[in-house]
PDB file of N, CA and C in Angstrom:
ATOM      1  N   MET A   1      -8.030 -24.300  22.106  1.00  0.00           N
ATOM      2  CA  MET A   1      -7.708 -23.193  21.559  1.00  0.00           C
ATOM      3  C   MET A   1      -6.636 -23.344  20.630  1.00  0.00           C
ATOM      4  N   GLU A   2      -5.253 -23.396  21.444  1.00  0.00           N
ATOM      5  CA  GLU A   2      -4.056 -23.181  21.242  1.00  0.00           C
ATOM      6  C   GLU A   2      -3.498 -23.560  19.600  1.00  0.00           C
ATOM      7  N   THR A   3      -4.257 -25.302  19.567  1.00  0.00           N
ATOM      8  CA  THR A   3      -4.001 -25.929  18.372  1.00  0.00           C
ATOM      9  C   THR A   3      -4.816 -25.138  17.127  1.00  0.00           C
ATOM     10  N   GLU A   4      -5.853 -24.909  17.607  1.00  0.00           N
ATOM     11  CA  GLU A   4      -6.787 -23.769  16.305  1.00  0.00           C
ATOM     12  C   GLU A   4      -6.232 -22.496  15.953  1.00  0.00           C
ATOM     13  N   ASN A   5      -4.993 -21.902  16.696  1.00  0.00           N
ATOM     14  CA  ASN A   5      -4.030 -20.565  16.329  1.00  0.00           C
ATOM     15  C   ASN A   5      -3.268 -21.175  15.646  1.00  0.00           C
ATOM     16  N   ASP A   6      -2.487 -22.343  16.340  1.00  0.00           N
ATOM     17  CA  ASP A   6      -1.504 -22.737  15.620  1.00  0.00           C
ATOM     18  C   ASP A   6      -1.873 -23.580  14.168  1.00  0.00           C
ATOM     19  N   MET A   7      -2.951 -23.843  13.906  1.00  0.00           N
ATOM     20  CA  MET A   7      -3.347 -24.267  12.659  1.00  0.00           C
ATOM     21  C   MET A   7      -3.716 -23.137  11.628  1.00  0.00           C
ATOM     22  N   ILE A   8      -4.222 -21.976  12.020  1.00  0.00           N
ATOM     23  CA  ILE A   8      -4.336 -20.767  11.511  1.00  0.00           C
ATOM     24  C   ILE A   8      -3.207 -20.196  10.667  1.00  0.00           C
ATOM     25  N   ALA A   9      -2.213 -20.119  12.198  1.00  0.00           N
ATOM     26  CA  ALA A   9      -0.847 -19.688  11.536  1.00  0.00           C
ATOM     27  C   ALA A   9       0.020 -20.370  10.584  1.00  0.00           C
ATOM     28  N   LEU A  10      -0.231 -21.883  10.789  1.00  0.00           N
ATOM     29  CA  LEU A  10       0.410 -22.852   9.585  1.00  0.00           C
ATOM     30  C   LEU A  10      -0.377 -22.622   8.105  1.00  0.00           C
ATOM     31  N   LEU A  11      -1.687 -22.674   8.322  1.00  0.00           N
ATOM     32  CA  LEU A  11      -2.378 -22.138   6.871  1.00  0.00           C
ATOM     33  C   LEU A  11      -1.809 -20.438   6.445  1.00  0.00           C
ATOM     34  N   LYS A  12      -1.390 -19.481   7.150  1.00  0.00           N
ATOM     35  CA  LYS A  12      -1.281 -18.330   6.530  1.00  0.00           C
ATOM     36  C   LYS A  12       0.427 -18.901   6.259  1.00  0.00           C
ATOM     37  N   ASP A  13       1.150 -18.995   6.639  1.00  0.00           N
ATOM     38  CA  ASP A  13       2.441 -19.421   6.137  1.00  0.00           C
ATOM     39  C   ASP A  13       2.066 -20.326   5.043  1.00  0.00           C
ATOM     40  N   ILE A  14       1.397 -21.365   4.632  1.00  0.00           N
ATOM     41  CA  ILE A  14       1.297 -21.792   3.680  1.00  0.00           C
ATOM     42  C   ILE A  14       1.125 -20.991   2.286  1.00  0.00           C
ATOM     43  N   LYS A  15      -0.001 -19.887   2.610  1.00  0.00           N
ATOM     44  CA  LYS A  15      -0.476 -19.186   1.879  1.00  0.00           C
ATOM     45  C   LYS A  15       0.724 -18.170   1.199  1.00  0.00           C
ATOM     46  N   GLY A  16       1.515 -18.486   2.415  1.00  0.00           N
ATOM     47  CA  GLY A  16       2.662 -16.856   1.748  1.00  0.00           C
ATOM     48  C   GLY A  16       3.400 -17.775   0.792  1.00  0.00           C
ATOM     49  N   LEU A  17       4.178 -18.954   1.018  1.00  0.00           N
ATOM     50  CA  LEU A  17       4.604 -19.832   0.354  1.00  0.00           C
ATOM     51  C   LEU A  17       4.006 -20.149  -1.127  1.00  0.00           C
ATOM     52  N   LEU A  18       2.862 -20.392  -1.087  1.00  0.00           N
ATOM     53  CA  LEU A  18       2.182 -20.641  -2.538  1.00  0.00           C
ATOM     54  C   LEU A  18       1.949 -19.320  -3.220  1.00  0.00           C
ATOM     55  N   SER A  19       1.978 -17.724  -2.834  1.00  0.00           N
ATOM     56  CA  SER A  19       1.971 -16.754  -3.183  1.00  0.00           C
ATOM     57  C   SER A  19       3.200 -16.372  -4.058  1.00  0.00           C
ATOM     58  N   HIS A  20       4.256 -17.180  -3.280  1.00  0.00           N
ATOM     59  CA  HIS A  20       5.837 -16.974  -4.160  1.00  0.00           C
ATOM     60  C   HIS A  20       5.819 -17.591  -5.569  1.00  0.00           C
ATOM     61  N   GLN A  21       4.926 -18.574  -5.912  1.00  0.00           N
ATOM     62  CA  GLN A  21       4.899 -19.671  -6.783  1.00  0.00           C
ATOM     63  C   GLN A  21       4.310 -18.742  -8.145  1.00  0.00           C
ATOM     64  N   LYS A  22       3.954 -17.361  -7.819  1.00  0.00           N
ATOM     65  CA  LYS A  22       2.960 -17.011  -9.244  1.00  0.00           C
ATOM     66  C   LYS A  22       4.122 -16.369  -9.691  1.00  0.00           C
ATOM     67  N   LYS A  23       3.932 -16.190 -11.571  1.00  0.00           N
ATOM     68  CA  LYS A  23       5.015 -15.872 -12.391  1.00  0.00           C
ATOM     69  C   LYS A  23       4.642 -14.495 -12.026  1.00  0.00           C
ATOM     70  N   VAL A  24       3.310 -13.678 -12.015  1.00  0.00           N
ATOM     71  CA  VAL A  24       3.162 -12.226 -12.350  1.00  0.00           C
ATOM     72  C   VAL A  24       2.773 -11.850 -10.988  1.00  0.00           C
ATOM     73  N   MET A  25       3.321 -10.555 -10.441  1.00  0.00           N
ATOM     74  CA  MET A  25       2.775 -10.151  -8.996  1.00  0.00           C
ATOM     75  C   MET A  25       2.669  -8.748  -9.376  1.00  0.00           C
ATOM     76  N   ASN A  26       1.806  -8.424  -8.326  1.00  0.00           N
ATOM     77  CA  ASN A  26       1.107  -7.115  -8.339  1.00  0.00           C
ATOM     78  C   ASN A  26       2.074  -6.288  -7.082  1.00  0.00           C
ATOM     79  N   VAL A  27       1.378  -5.242  -6.753  1.00  0.00           N
ATOM     80  CA  VAL A  27       2.119  -4.613  -5.752  1.00  0.00           C
ATOM     81  C   VAL A  27       2.380  -5.069  -4.162  1.00  0.00           C
ATOM     82  N   ASP A  28       1.097  -5.524  -4.103  1.00  0.00           N
ATOM     83  CA  ASP A  28       1.374  -6.499  -2.676  1.00  0.00           C
ATOM     84  C   ASP A  28       1.878  -7.763  -2.681  1.00  0.00           C
ATOM     85  N   ASP A  29       1.867  -8.286  -3.583  1.00  0.00           N
ATOM     86  CA  ASP A  29       2.510  -9.517  -3.589  1.00  0.00           C
ATOM     87  C   ASP A  29       4.286  -9.340  -3.838  1.00  0.00           C
ATOM     88  N   LEU A  30       4.411  -8.037  -4.394  1.00  0.00           N
ATOM     89  CA  LEU A  30       5.833  -7.742  -4.459  1.00  0.00           C
ATOM     90  C   LEU A  30       6.606  -7.315  -2.943  1.00  0.00           C
ATOM     91  N   VAL A  31       5.683  -6.706  -2.149  1.00  0.00           N
ATOM     92  CA  VAL A  31       5.897  -6.547  -1.161  1.00  0.00           C
ATOM     93  C   VAL A  31       6.412  -7.815  -0.013  1.00  0.00           C
ATOM     94  N   ALA A  32       5.202  -8.432  -0.199  1.00  0.00           N
ATOM     95  CA  ALA A  32       5.492  -9.746   0.441  1.00  0.00           C
ATOM     96  C   ALA A  32       6.744 -10.661  -0.023  1.00  0.00           C
ATOM     97  N   TYR A  33       7.119 -10.522  -1.358  1.00  0.00           N
ATOM     98  CA  TYR A  33       8.090 -11.507  -2.021  1.00  0.00           C
ATOM     99  C   TYR A  33       9.684 -10.759  -1.523  1.00  0.00           C
ATOM    100  N   THR A  34       9.626  -9.510  -1.685  1.00  0.00           N
ATOM    101  CA  THR A  34      10.626  -8.907  -1.427  1.00  0.00           C
ATOM    102  C   THR A  34      11.346  -8.153   0.291  1.00  0.00           C
ATOM    103  N   GLY A  35      10.117  -7.848   0.679  1.00  0.00           N
ATOM    104  CA  GLY A  35      10.163  -7.290   1.610  1.00  0.00           C
ATOM    105  C   GLY A  35      10.314  -5.806   1.697  1.00  0.00           C
ATOM    106  N   LEU A  36      10.414  -4.893   0.333  1.00  0.00           N
ATOM    107  CA  LEU A  36      10.194  -3.744   0.594  1.00  0.00           C
ATOM    108  C   LEU A  36       9.010  -3.434   0.915  1.00  0.00           C
ATOM    109  N   SER A  37       8.871  -1.873   1.422  1.00  0.00           N
ATOM    110  CA  SER A  37       7.851  -1.193   1.553  1.00  0.00           C
ATOM    111  C   SER A  37       7.068  -0.736   0.609  1.00  0.00           C
ATOM    112  N   LYS A  38       5.633  -1.116   0.457  1.00  0.00           N
ATOM    113  CA  LYS A  38       4.972  -0.517  -0.207  1.00  0.00           C
ATOM    114  C   LYS A  38       5.631   0.838  -0.851  1.00  0.00           C
ATOM    115  N   SER A  39       5.724   1.977  -0.187  1.00  0.00           N
ATOM    116  CA  SER A  39       5.904   3.338  -0.514  1.00  0.00           C
ATOM    117  C   SER A  39       7.130   2.917  -1.284  1.00  0.00           C
ATOM    118  N   LYS A  40       7.912   2.128  -0.614  1.00  0.00           N
ATOM    119  CA  LYS A  40       9.459   2.132  -1.494  1.00  0.00           C
ATOM    120  C   LYS A  40       8.930   1.653  -2.942  1.00  0.00           C
ATOM    121  N   ILE A  41       8.533   0.753  -3.126  1.00  0.00           N
ATOM    122  CA  ILE A  41       7.829   0.041  -4.335  1.00  0.00           C
ATOM    123  C   ILE A  41       6.905   1.015  -5.575  1.00  0.00           C
ATOM    124  N   TYR A  42       6.220   1.770  -4.712  1.00  0.00           N
ATOM    125  CA  TYR A  42       5.621   2.995  -5.386  1.00  0.00           C
ATOM    126  C   TYR A  42       6.633   4.055  -5.997  1.00  0.00           C
ATOM    127  N   LYS A  43       7.853   4.176  -5.090  1.00  0.00           N
ATOM    128  CA  LYS A  43       8.765   5.209  -5.614  1.00  0.00           C
ATOM    129  C   LYS A  43       9.560   4.828  -6.412  1.00  0.00           C
ATOM    130  N   LEU A  44      10.034   3.504  -6.579  1.00  0.00           N
ATOM    131  CA  LEU A  44      10.502   2.965  -7.605  1.00  0.00           C
ATOM    132  C   LEU A  44      10.149   2.849  -8.831  1.00  0.00           C
ATOM    133  N   THR A  45       8.704   2.462  -9.039  1.00  0.00           N
ATOM    134  CA  THR A  45       7.985   2.621 -10.313  1.00  0.00           C
ATOM    135  C   THR A  45       7.689   4.001 -10.743  1.00  0.00           C
ATOM    136  N   GLN A  46       7.647   4.880  -9.939  1.00  0.00           N
ATOM    137  CA  GLN A  46       7.186   5.799 -10.349  1.00  0.00           C
ATOM    138  C   GLN A  46       8.789   6.950 -11.180  1.00  0.00           C
ATOM    139  N   LEU A  47       9.763   6.017 -10.643  1.00  0.00           N
ATOM    140  CA  LEU A  47      11.052   6.738 -10.936  1.00  0.00           C
ATOM    141  C   LEU A  47      11.628   5.559 -11.743  1.00  0.00           C
ATOM    142  N   ARG A  48      10.676   4.511 -12.306  1.00  0.00           N
ATOM    143  CA  ARG A  48      11.246   3.425 -13.346  1.00  0.00           C
ATOM    144  C   ARG A  48      12.388   3.176 -12.973  1.00  0.00           C
ATOM    145  N   LEU A  49      12.857   2.678 -11.496  1.00  0.00           N
ATOM    146  CA  LEU A  49      14.392   2.083 -11.401  1.00  0.00           C
ATOM    147  C   LEU A  49      13.621   0.865 -11.545  1.00  0.00           C
ATOM    148  N   ILE A  50      12.583   0.305 -10.805  1.00  0.00           N
ATOM    149  CA  ILE A  50      12.081  -1.381 -11.137  1.00  0.00           C
ATOM    150  C   ILE A  50      11.739  -1.752 -12.601  1.00  0.00           C
ATOM    151  N   PRO A  51      11.924  -2.861 -12.922  1.00  0.00           N
ATOM    152  CA  PRO A  51      11.099  -3.488 -14.323  1.00  0.00           C
ATOM    153  C   PRO A  51       9.772  -3.907 -14.107  1.00  0.00           C
ATOM    154  N   MET A  52       9.068  -3.316 -14.848  1.00  0.00           N
ATOM    155  CA  MET A  52       7.454  -3.746 -14.571  1.00  0.00           C
ATOM    156  C   MET A  52       6.591  -3.818 -15.987  1.00  0.00           C
ATOM    157  N   GLY A  53       5.743  -4.433 -15.920  1.00  0.00           N
ATOM    158  CA  GLY A  53       4.721  -4.561 -17.055  1.00  0.00           C
ATOM    159  C   GLY A  53       4.450  -3.237 -17.654  1.00  0.00           C
ATOM    160  N   GLY A  54       4.486  -3.005 -19.088  1.00  0.00           N
ATOM    161  CA  GLY A  54       4.182  -1.736 -19.520  1.00  0.00           C
ATOM    162  C   GLY A  54       3.280  -1.646 -20.276  1.00  0.00           C
ATOM    163  N   ASN A  55       1.967  -2.148 -19.898  1.00  0.00           N
ATOM    164  CA  ASN A  55       0.523  -1.882 -20.441  1.00  0.00           C
ATOM    165  C   ASN A  55      -0.132  -0.951 -20.013  1.00  0.00           C
ATOM    166  N   LYS A  56       0.051  -0.040 -21.165  1.00  0.00           N
ATOM    167  CA  LYS A  56      -0.531   1.488 -20.740  1.00  0.00           C
ATOM    168  C   LYS A  56      -2.263   1.149 -20.534  1.00  0.00           C
ATOM    169  N   HIS A  57      -2.901   0.527 -21.060  1.00  0.00           N
ATOM    170  CA  HIS A  57      -4.284   0.522 -20.926  1.00  0.00           C
ATOM    171  C   HIS A  57      -4.719  -0.093 -19.381  1.00  0.00           C
ATOM    172  N   ILE A  58      -3.748  -0.652 -18.081  1.00  0.00           N
ATOM    173  CA  ILE A  58      -3.766  -1.289 -17.118  1.00  0.00           C
ATOM    174  C   ILE A  58      -3.183  -0.283 -16.317  1.00  0.00           C
ATOM    175  N   ARG A  59      -4.207   0.115 -15.423  1.00  0.00           N
ATOM    176  CA  ARG A  59      -3.671   1.169 -14.012  1.00  0.00           C
ATOM    177  C   ARG A  59      -2.425   0.212 -13.347  1.00  0.00           C
ATOM    178  N   GLN A  60      -3.259  -1.084 -12.578  1.00  0.00           N
ATOM    179  CA  GLN A  60      -2.638  -1.230 -11.586  1.00  0.00           C
ATOM    180  C   GLN A  60      -0.940  -2.001 -12.175  1.00  0.00           C
ATOM    181  N   LYS A  61       0.034  -1.946 -11.492  1.00  0.00           N
ATOM    182  CA  LYS A  61       1.261  -1.997 -11.712  1.00  0.00           C
ATOM    183  C   LYS A  61       1.675  -3.654 -11.469  1.00  0.00           C
ATOM    184  N   PHE A  62       2.262  -4.771 -12.532  1.00  0.00           N
ATOM    185  CA  PHE A  62       2.499  -5.798 -12.891  1.00  0.00           C
ATOM    186  C   PHE A  62       3.948  -5.674 -12.853  1.00  0.00           C
ATOM    187  N   PHE A  63       4.486  -6.832 -12.300  1.00  0.00           N
ATOM    188  CA  PHE A  63       6.065  -7.281 -12.249  1.00  0.00           C
ATOM    189  C   PHE A  63       6.156  -8.890 -12.630  1.00  0.00           C
ATOM    190  N   ASP A  64       7.171  -9.284 -13.405  1.00  0.00           N
ATOM    191  CA  ASP A  64       7.227 -10.794 -13.692  1.00  0.00           C
ATOM    192  C   ASP A  64       8.380 -10.822 -12.747  1.00  0.00           C
ATOM    193  N   LYS A  65       8.282 -12.036 -12.144  1.00  0.00           N
ATOM    194  CA  LYS A  65       9.058 -12.625 -11.080  1.00  0.00           C
ATOM    195  C   LYS A  65      10.282 -13.226 -11.481  1.00  0.00           C
ATOM    196  N   ASP A  66      10.655 -13.884 -12.610  1.00  0.00           N
ATOM    197  CA  ASP A  66      11.907 -13.853 -13.076  1.00  0.00           C
ATOM    198  C   ASP A  66      12.798 -12.362 -13.386  1.00  0.00           C
ATOM    199  N   ILE A  67      12.101 -11.555 -13.937  1.00  0.00           N
ATOM    200  CA  ILE A  67      12.781 -10.550 -14.144  1.00  0.00           C
ATOM    201  C   ILE A  67      12.859  -9.648 -12.710  1.00  0.00           C
ATOM    202  N   ILE A  68      12.121  -9.957 -11.857  1.00  0.00           N
ATOM    203  CA  ILE A  68      12.496  -8.939 -10.589  1.00  0.00           C
ATOM    204  C   ILE A  68      13.468  -9.973  -9.792  1.00  0.00           C
ATOM    205  N   ASP A  69      13.667 -11.082  -9.967  1.00  0.00           N
ATOM    206  CA  ASP A  69      14.864 -11.787  -9.396  1.00  0.00           C
ATOM    207  C   ASP A  69      16.043 -11.289 -10.035  1.00  0.00           C
ATOM    208  N   ALA A  70      16.077 -11.220 -11.109  1.00  0.00           N
ATOM    209  CA  ALA A  70      17.332 -11.150 -11.745  1.00  0.00           C
ATOM    210  C   ALA A  70      17.615  -9.354 -11.514  1.00  0.00           C
ATOM    211  N   TRP A  71      16.887  -8.580 -11.295  1.00  0.00           N
ATOM    212  CA  TRP A  71      17.041  -7.147 -10.880  1.00  0.00           C
ATOM    213  C   TRP A  71      17.596  -7.318  -9.507  1.00  0.00           C
ATOM    214  N   LEU A  72      16.746  -7.996  -8.430  1.00  0.00           N
ATOM    215  CA  LEU A  72      17.786  -7.797  -7.302  1.00  0.00           C
ATOM    216  C   LEU A  72      19.022  -8.525  -7.251  1.00  0.00           C
ATOM    217  N   MET A  73      18.847  -9.463  -7.778  1.00  0.00           N
ATOM    218  CA  MET A  73      20.725 -10.347  -7.684  1.00  0.00           C
ATOM    219  C   MET A  73      21.657  -9.039  -8.525  1.00  0.00           C
ATOM    220  N   GLY A  74      21.174  -8.252  -9.274  1.00  0.00           N
ATOM    221  CA  GLY A  74      21.823  -7.210  -9.905  1.00  0.00           C
ATOM    222  C   GLY A  74      22.325  -6.026  -8.886  1.00  0.00           C
ATOM    223  N   GLU A  75      21.920  -6.467  -7.637  1.00  0.00           N
ATOM    224  CA  GLU A  75      22.121  -5.393  -6.356  1.00  0.00           C
ATOM    225  C   GLU A  75      21.850  -3.936  -6.945  1.00  0.00           C
ATOM    226  N   PRO A  76      20.325  -4.168  -6.979  1.00  0.00           N
ATOM    227  CA  PRO A  76      19.987  -2.142  -7.260  1.00  0.00           C
ATOM    228  C   PRO A  76      20.238  -1.398  -6.054  1.00  0.00           C
ATOM    229  N   ASN A  77      20.616   0.164  -6.485  1.00  0.00           N
ATOM    230  CA  ASN A  77      20.605   0.891  -5.248  1.00  0.00           C
ATOM    231  C   ASN A  77      19.141   1.091  -4.502  1.00  0.00           C
ATOM    232  N   LEU A  78      18.789   0.585  -3.366  1.00  0.00           N
ATOM    233  CA  LEU A  78      17.649   0.974  -2.651  1.00  0.00           C
ATOM    234  C   LEU A  78      17.466   1.642  -1.685  1.00  0.00           C
ATOM    235  N   SER A  79      18.717   2.053  -1.645  1.00  0.00           N
ATOM    236  CA  SER A  79      18.964   3.057  -0.292  1.00  0.00           C
ATOM    237  C   SER A  79      17.575   4.498  -0.473  1.00  0.00           C
ATOM    238  N   ASP A  80      17.383   4.851   0.661  1.00  0.00           N
ATOM    239  CA  ASP A  80      16.610   5.879   0.874  1.00  0.00           C
ATOM    240  C   ASP A  80      17.102   7.248   0.366  1.00  0.00           C
ATOM    241  N   ASP A  81      18.527   7.254   0.190  1.00  0.00           N
ATOM    242  CA  ASP A  81      19.195   8.834  -0.146  1.00  0.00           C
ATOM    243  C   ASP A  81      19.099   8.775  -1.724  1.00  0.00           C
ATOM    244  N   TYR A  82      19.391   7.618  -2.184  1.00  0.00           N
ATOM    245  CA  TYR A  82      19.744   7.192  -3.624  1.00  0.00           C
ATOM    246  C   TYR A  82      18.559   7.592  -4.254  1.00  0.00           C
ATOM    247  N   LEU A  83      17.227   7.141  -3.631  1.00  0.00           N
ATOM    248  CA  LEU A  83      15.906   7.410  -4.157  1.00  0.00           C
ATOM    249  C   LEU A  83      15.223   9.061  -3.977  1.00  0.00           C
ATOM    250  N   ASP A  84      15.770   9.349  -3.096  1.00  0.00           N
ATOM    251  CA  ASP A  84      14.991  10.937  -3.058  1.00  0.00           C
ATOM    252  C   ASP A  84      15.889  11.750  -3.826  1.00  0.00           C
ATOM    253  N   ARG A  85      17.631  11.494  -4.007  1.00  0.00           N
ATOM    254  CA  ARG A  85      18.426  12.045  -4.912  1.00  0.00           C
ATOM    255  C   ARG A  85      17.535  11.705  -6.767  1.00  0.00           C
ATOM    256  N   GLU A  86      17.725  10.673  -6.924  1.00  0.00           N
ATOM    257  CA  GLU A  86      16.631  10.657  -8.064  1.00  0.00           C
ATOM    258  C   GLU A  86      15.608  11.276  -8.071  1.00  0.00           C
ATOM    259  N   PHE A  87      14.371  11.148  -7.198  1.00  0.00           N
ATOM    260  CA  PHE A  87      13.251  11.640  -7.175  1.00  0.00           C
ATOM    261  C   PHE A  87      13.562  13.289  -7.235  1.00  0.00           C
ATOM    262  N   ASP A  88      14.147  13.907  -6.665  1.00  0.00           N
ATOM    263  CA  ASP A  88      14.541  15.245  -6.922  1.00  0.00           C
ATOM    264  C   ASP A  88      14.822  16.118  -8.287  1.00  0.00           C
ATOM    265  N   LYS A  89      15.832  14.914  -8.997  1.00  0.00           N
ATOM    266  CA  LYS A  89      16.744  15.253  -9.999  1.00  0.00           C
ATOM    267  C   LYS A  89      15.550  14.851 -11.079  1.00  0.00           C
ATOM    268  N   GLN A  90      14.582  13.901 -11.291  1.00  0.00           N
ATOM    269  CA  GLN A  90      13.769  14.081 -11.870  1.00  0.00           C
ATOM    270  C   GLN A  90      12.574  15.041 -11.914  1.00  0.00           C
ATOM    271  N   PHE A  91      12.498  15.456 -10.728  1.00  0.00           N
ATOM    272  CA  PHE A  91      11.384  16.449 -10.109  1.00  0.00           C
ATOM    273  C   PHE A  91      12.102  17.885 -11.182  1.00  0.00           C
ATOM    274  N   SER A  92      13.433  18.052 -11.133  1.00  0.00           N
ATOM    275  CA  SER A  92      13.594  19.238 -11.561  1.00  0.00           C
ATOM    276  C   SER A  92      13.431  19.569 -12.897  1.00  0.00           C
ATOM    277  N   ASP A  93      14.019  18.047 -13.475  1.00  0.00           N
ATOM    278  CA  ASP A  93      14.314  17.846 -14.945  1.00  0.00           C
ATOM    279  C   ASP A  93      12.865  18.090 -15.685  1.00  0.00           C
ATOM    280  N   ASN A  94      11.534  17.410 -14.780  1.00  0.00           N
ATOM    281  CA  ASN A  94      10.430  18.007 -15.568  1.00  0.00           C
ATOM    282  C   ASN A  94      10.347  19.315 -15.374  1.00  0.00           C
ATOM    283  N   LYS A  95      10.496  20.198 -14.497  1.00  0.00           N
ATOM    284  CA  LYS A  95      10.224  21.171 -14.343  1.00  0.00           C
ATOM    285  C   LYS A  95      10.928  22.509 -15.247  1.00  0.00           C
ATOM    286  N   GLU A  96      11.677  21.917 -15.506  1.00  0.00           N
ATOM    287  CA  GLU A  96      12.449  22.341 -16.714  1.00  0.00           C
ATOM    288  C   GLU A  96      11.674  22.546 -18.079  1.00  0.00           C
ATOM    289  N   LYS A  97      11.028  21.464 -18.481  1.00  0.00           N
ATOM    290  CA  LYS A  97      10.426  21.071 -19.618  1.00  0.00           C
ATOM    291  C   LYS A  97       9.491  22.269 -19.883  1.00  0.00           C
TER     292      LYS A  97
END
């Protein structure tokens, strides 16, 4: 029974490694790839602080792996305090319009 559990764990690890080979990722792929929470990614997309595909006809968000890598290497500010300030700023700007 132990070897069966080991085999399942190994297959899950392989699946995770293969998912990092994708060129275009959705939110779930990006969560697994970056380790960021889903809520943080959604906040970043809402604030347009993360590079993403711009197809207005598709509701789901997509991300180019190479562009995400470059963005991450640029050391973006991902602190909750910064994101909350940006969200409040954007909200107040939209409220004034």
